[in-house]
Amino acid sequence: MAADVAGRVKLVKVNVDAAPRLAGRFDVQAIPALVVLRDGQVAARQAGAAGAGLRSWVEQATAA
């Protein structure tokens, strides 16, 4: 999926054990947590495994 959205979306994986302040900044309460940022602000969030619906969720979350 990263290749499909390259240039439009930057996918980043964060180890919350190694970066607890970052996890706190985005109020991560469950793992996995998916957060879409637009202009530095949270545009969408989802907790738990996304599975097959991940692609459609990212497309909806990033639609302008």
Protein backbone atom coordinates (compact mmCIF):
# COMPACT_ATOMS: atom_id res chain seq x y z
CA MET A 1 0.00 0.00 0.00
CA ALA A 2 2.88 2.39 0.72
CA ALA A 3 3.90 2.26 -2.93
CA ASP A 4 0.33 2.97 -4.05
CA VAL A 5 0.04 6.15 -1.98
CA ALA A 6 3.64 7.35 -2.38
CA GLY A 7 3.78 11.08 -2.96
CA ARG A 8 0.36 11.62 -1.37
CA VAL A 9 0.77 9.95 2.02
CA LYS A 10 3.78 9.31 4.22
CA LEU A 11 3.46 6.13 6.26
CA VAL A 12 5.42 6.03 9.51
CA LYS A 13 5.71 3.30 12.12
CA VAL A 14 6.51 4.39 15.68
CA ASN A 15 7.59 2.18 18.57
CA VAL A 16 5.62 3.73 21.44
CA ASP A 17 7.82 1.98 24.02
CA ALA A 18 10.82 3.83 22.60
CA ALA A 19 8.91 7.10 22.09
CA PRO A 20 6.44 7.46 24.98
CA ARG A 21 6.26 11.27 24.70
CA LEU A 22 5.16 10.97 21.07
CA ALA A 23 2.54 8.41 22.05
CA GLY A 24 1.30 10.80 24.73
CA ARG A 25 1.23 13.72 22.32
CA PHE A 26 -1.22 11.84 20.11
CA ASP A 27 -3.09 10.25 23.02
CA VAL A 28 -2.35 6.68 21.93
CA GLN A 29 -4.33 4.41 24.24
CA ALA A 30 -4.29 1.14 22.28
CA ILE A 31 -1.86 -0.65 20.01
CA PRO A 32 -2.04 -0.59 17.09
CA ALA A 33 -3.19 2.99 16.70
CA LEU A 34 -3.56 4.63 13.31
CA VAL A 35 -3.42 8.41 13.14
CA VAL A 36 -3.71 10.61 10.06
CA LEU A 37 -2.17 14.06 10.39
CA ARG A 38 -2.96 16.95 8.08
CA ASP A 39 -0.98 20.15 8.58
CA GLY A 40 0.23 18.82 11.94
CA GLN A 41 -3.29 18.24 13.27
CA VAL A 42 -5.07 14.92 13.78
CA ALA A 43 -7.47 14.47 10.86
CA ALA A 44 -8.52 10.89 11.68
CA ARG A 45 -7.74 8.18 14.19
CA GLN A 46 -8.47 4.49 14.56
CA ALA A 47 -7.51 2.05 17.30
CA GLY A 48 -7.06 -1.65 16.71
CA ALA A 49 -6.17 -3.70 13.66
CA ALA A 50 -7.58 -2.30 10.44
CA GLY A 51 -7.35 -5.43 8.28
CA ALA A 52 -8.91 -5.37 4.83
CA GLY A 53 -10.52 -1.96 5.36
CA LEU A 54 -7.21 -0.15 5.87
CA ARG A 55 -6.90 1.09 2.29
CA SER A 56 -10.41 2.59 2.20
CA TRP A 57 -9.94 4.15 5.66
CA VAL A 58 -6.69 5.84 4.55
CA GLU A 59 -8.29 7.04 1.32
CA GLN A 60 -11.26 8.52 3.20
CA ALA A 61 -9.05 10.06 5.88
CA THR A 62 -6.78 11.72 3.34
CA ALA A 63 -9.47 12.98 0.95
CA ALA A 64 -9.42 16.75 0.87
